[in-house]
Amino acid sequence: EEAAVKADLLALAGLHDAIRTAKERYSMRDEKLVESLVARDSTPRHYAAILVASELRTLYLYELGVKFVRVKLSKEEPSGGILCGIHLSKEDETRLRAQAEQLAQAFINIRYPCIS
């Protein structure tokens, strides 16, 4: 089981790096993204911003899920924060964190029932 945990931790590190790289590849981000979202006009830029914001939110969910699984497998305290890339309300942040915890727990329950 220890070898499986090490292999999964390595795979999760790779997935985490891929998610970070994907988030960095968006040309519409930061102020440019916020301005395009706030514009609320019917332009392609506004609709693209909606899509980018949705994708960043999804990537954030997966990045949190990876972090939570890594913490459970390594039995270490979480380190470093994760940024979403878009502004989230407190309620949305809480909901995403809960969903990521559930995702991580489901992974652990399936792969490592003795850990859960």
Protein backbone atom coordinates (compact mmCIF):
# COMPACT_ATOMS: atom_id res chain seq x y z
CA GLU A 1 0.00 0.00 0.00
CA GLU A 2 2.88 2.38 0.71
CA ALA A 3 4.07 2.09 -2.90
CA ALA A 4 0.55 2.82 -4.14
CA VAL A 5 0.35 5.92 -1.93
CA LYS A 6 3.71 7.15 -3.23
CA ALA A 7 2.59 6.57 -6.83
CA ASP A 8 -0.68 8.41 -6.22
CA LEU A 9 1.12 11.31 -4.53
CA LEU A 10 3.43 11.57 -7.53
CA ALA A 11 0.49 11.48 -9.94
CA LEU A 12 -1.37 14.09 -7.89
CA ALA A 13 1.69 16.37 -7.94
CA GLY A 14 1.71 16.09 -11.73
CA LEU A 15 -2.01 16.83 -11.91
CA HIS A 16 -1.55 19.84 -9.64
CA ASP A 17 1.21 21.18 -11.91
CA ALA A 18 -0.97 20.64 -14.99
CA ILE A 19 -3.87 22.53 -13.38
CA ARG A 20 -1.60 25.44 -12.44
CA THR A 21 -0.20 25.55 -15.97
CA ALA A 22 -3.72 25.52 -17.43
CA LYS A 23 -4.76 28.42 -15.18
CA GLU A 24 -1.71 30.45 -16.22
CA ARG A 25 -2.41 29.99 -19.95
CA TYR A 26 -5.55 32.13 -19.96
CA SER A 27 -4.83 35.45 -21.63
CA MET A 28 -7.98 36.92 -20.12
CA ARG A 29 -7.32 37.17 -16.38
CA ASP A 30 -6.95 39.57 -13.48
CA GLU A 31 -8.27 43.08 -14.28
CA LYS A 32 -8.95 42.21 -17.91
CA LEU A 33 -11.24 39.36 -16.83
CA VAL A 34 -13.00 41.45 -14.17
CA GLU A 35 -13.58 44.32 -16.62
CA SER A 36 -15.03 41.95 -19.21
CA LEU A 37 -17.31 40.30 -16.66
CA VAL A 38 -18.57 43.59 -15.24
CA ALA A 39 -19.28 45.08 -18.69
CA ARG A 40 -22.51 43.05 -18.99
CA ASP A 41 -22.82 43.89 -22.65
CA SER A 42 -23.57 41.40 -25.38
CA THR A 43 -20.09 41.25 -26.83
CA PRO A 44 -18.01 38.17 -27.57
CA ARG A 45 -15.49 39.41 -24.96
CA HIS A 46 -18.13 39.39 -22.23
CA TYR A 47 -19.29 35.87 -23.12
CA ALA A 48 -15.68 34.70 -23.30
CA ALA A 49 -15.12 36.13 -19.81
CA ILE A 50 -18.10 34.18 -18.49
CA LEU A 51 -16.64 30.99 -19.96
CA VAL A 52 -13.14 31.71 -18.62
CA ALA A 53 -14.51 32.47 -15.14
CA SER A 54 -16.46 29.20 -15.17
CA GLU A 55 -13.39 27.24 -16.25
CA LEU A 56 -11.21 28.89 -13.60
CA ARG A 57 -13.78 28.01 -10.96
CA THR A 58 -13.77 24.37 -12.12
CA LEU A 59 -9.97 24.23 -12.14
CA TYR A 60 -9.98 25.71 -8.63
CA LEU A 61 -12.34 22.95 -7.46
CA TYR A 62 -10.01 20.27 -8.86
CA GLU A 63 -6.93 21.98 -7.47
CA LEU A 64 -8.52 22.04 -4.01
CA GLY A 65 -9.52 18.39 -4.40
CA VAL A 66 -5.94 17.44 -5.27
CA LYS A 67 -4.66 19.37 -2.27
CA PHE A 68 -7.11 17.69 0.11
CA VAL A 69 -6.28 14.19 -1.20
CA ARG A 70 -2.55 14.90 -0.88
CA VAL A 71 -3.03 16.04 2.73
CA LYS A 72 -5.00 12.90 3.57
CA LEU A 73 -2.48 10.57 1.90
CA SER A 74 0.64 12.23 3.25
CA LYS A 75 -0.91 12.83 6.69
CA GLU A 76 0.73 16.25 6.76
CA GLU A 77 -0.68 19.65 7.47
CA PRO A 78 -1.80 21.59 4.40
CA SER A 79 0.70 24.14 3.16
CA GLY A 80 0.24 27.18 0.95
CA GLY A 81 -2.95 28.71 -0.27
CA ILE A 82 -4.58 28.18 -3.61
CA LEU A 83 -5.94 31.10 -5.59
CA CYS A 84 -9.00 30.72 -7.75
CA GLY A 85 -8.21 33.40 -10.30
CA ILE A 86 -11.64 35.02 -9.97
CA HIS A 87 -13.44 36.66 -7.06
CA LEU A 88 -15.68 34.24 -5.18
CA SER A 89 -18.31 35.14 -2.63
CA LYS A 90 -17.81 33.70 0.84
CA GLU A 91 -20.76 31.38 0.20
CA ASP A 92 -19.34 30.17 -3.12
CA GLU A 93 -15.89 29.64 -1.56
CA THR A 94 -17.43 27.61 1.28
CA ARG A 95 -19.46 25.53 -1.18
CA LEU A 96 -16.44 24.82 -3.38
CA ARG A 97 -14.31 23.81 -0.40
CA ALA A 98 -17.05 21.45 0.81
CA GLN A 99 -17.35 19.91 -2.67
CA ALA A 100 -13.56 19.49 -2.89
CA GLU A 101 -13.53 17.81 0.54
CA GLN A 102 -16.26 15.42 -0.62
CA LEU A 103 -14.34 14.71 -3.82
CA ALA A 104 -11.18 13.97 -1.83
CA GLN A 105 -13.03 11.79 0.67
CA ALA A 106 -14.67 9.81 -2.16
CA PHE A 107 -11.24 9.19 -3.70
CA ILE A 108 -9.84 8.04 -0.34
CA ASN A 109 -12.88 5.83 0.38
CA ILE A 110 -12.52 4.08 -2.98
CA ARG A 111 -8.72 3.78 -3.22
CA TYR A 112 -7.77 3.51 0.44
CA PRO A 113 -10.71 2.42 2.60
CA CYS A 114 -8.34 1.70 5.49
CA ILE A 115 -7.28 5.40 5.63
CA SER A 116 -10.79 6.85 5.83
